[in-house]
Protein backbone atom coordinates (compact mmCIF):
# COMPACT_ATOMS: atom_id res chain seq x y z
CA MET A 1 -6.60 -9.66 -16.77
CA ASN A 2 -7.80 -8.92 -13.29
CA SER A 3 -10.66 -6.54 -14.47
CA PHE A 4 -11.58 -6.60 -11.07
CA ASN A 5 -8.00 -5.43 -9.34
CA LEU A 6 -8.44 -7.78 -6.98
CA SER A 7 -4.98 -9.42 -4.86
CA THR A 8 -3.72 -13.27 -6.05
CA ASN A 9 -4.83 -14.14 -2.22
CA ILE A 10 -8.64 -12.60 -2.62
CA ILE A 11 -8.55 -14.81 -6.26
CA GLU A 12 -7.49 -17.64 -4.46
CA LYS A 13 -10.51 -17.38 -1.82
CA LEU A 14 -13.33 -16.93 -4.27
CA LYS A 15 -11.96 -19.70 -6.64
CA TYR A 16 -11.53 -21.94 -3.28
CA SER A 17 -15.04 -21.18 -2.07
CA SER A 18 -16.74 -21.79 -5.34
CA ARG A 19 -14.97 -24.76 -6.21
CA LEU A 20 -15.90 -26.04 -2.00
CA SER A 21 -20.11 -24.94 -2.62
CA ALA A 22 -20.41 -26.35 -5.98
CA ILE A 23 -22.11 -30.14 -6.68
CA ASP A 24 -21.45 -32.56 -8.98
CA ASN A 25 -23.71 -35.28 -10.86
CA SER A 26 -22.82 -37.74 -8.30
CA CYS A 27 -24.60 -35.02 -5.52
CA VAL A 28 -28.11 -34.35 -7.79
CA GLN A 29 -30.24 -36.92 -7.59
CA ASP A 30 -33.53 -35.51 -9.35
CA GLY A 31 -31.98 -36.66 -12.31
CA TYR A 32 -30.75 -33.45 -14.10
CA GLY A 33 -27.61 -33.35 -15.52
CA LEU A 34 -25.37 -30.45 -14.81
CA TYR A 35 -23.74 -28.56 -17.27
CA HIS A 36 -23.51 -24.89 -16.24
CA HIS A 37 -21.14 -23.14 -12.65
CA CYS A 38 -21.30 -19.78 -12.45
CA PHE A 39 -19.85 -17.50 -9.68
CA ILE A 40 -21.01 -14.35 -8.52
CA PHE A 41 -19.86 -12.25 -6.08
CA THR A 42 -20.05 -8.05 -4.95
CA GLU A 43 -17.47 -5.67 -3.94
CA ASN A 44 -18.63 -6.17 -0.22
CA GLY A 45 -17.72 -9.78 -0.01
CA HIS A 46 -20.55 -11.46 -0.40
CA TRP A 47 -20.86 -14.33 -3.18
CA SER A 48 -23.03 -16.83 -4.47
CA VAL A 49 -22.70 -20.59 -6.97
CA ILE A 50 -25.39 -20.70 -9.26
CA GLN A 51 -25.74 -23.89 -11.29
CA GLN A 52 -27.75 -25.16 -13.87
CA GLY A 53 -28.99 -28.69 -14.67
CA MET A 54 -31.19 -30.01 -17.75
CA ASN A 55 -33.22 -32.90 -18.23
CA ARG A 56 -35.03 -33.36 -21.50
CA ASN A 57 -36.02 -29.70 -22.10
CA TYR A 58 -36.76 -28.97 -18.80
CA ALA A 59 -34.07 -26.65 -16.87
CA ARG A 60 -33.17 -26.65 -13.30
CA ARG A 61 -31.06 -24.08 -11.06
CA TYR A 62 -29.09 -25.04 -7.76
CA HIS A 63 -28.37 -21.64 -5.55
């Protein structure tokens, strides 16, 4: 279901941007294991990826 009424082309571009900007556990050298990936975008075309890592009882976010 396309709740935002976006074209398939725009959806594919957003998915590509999300994958391109994401980091994985091998890139994080601070001991935090990544477990959450969130992609936020606006109607104006601005976007951000937020990932979160956990180390024991502490969380860290990467934007």
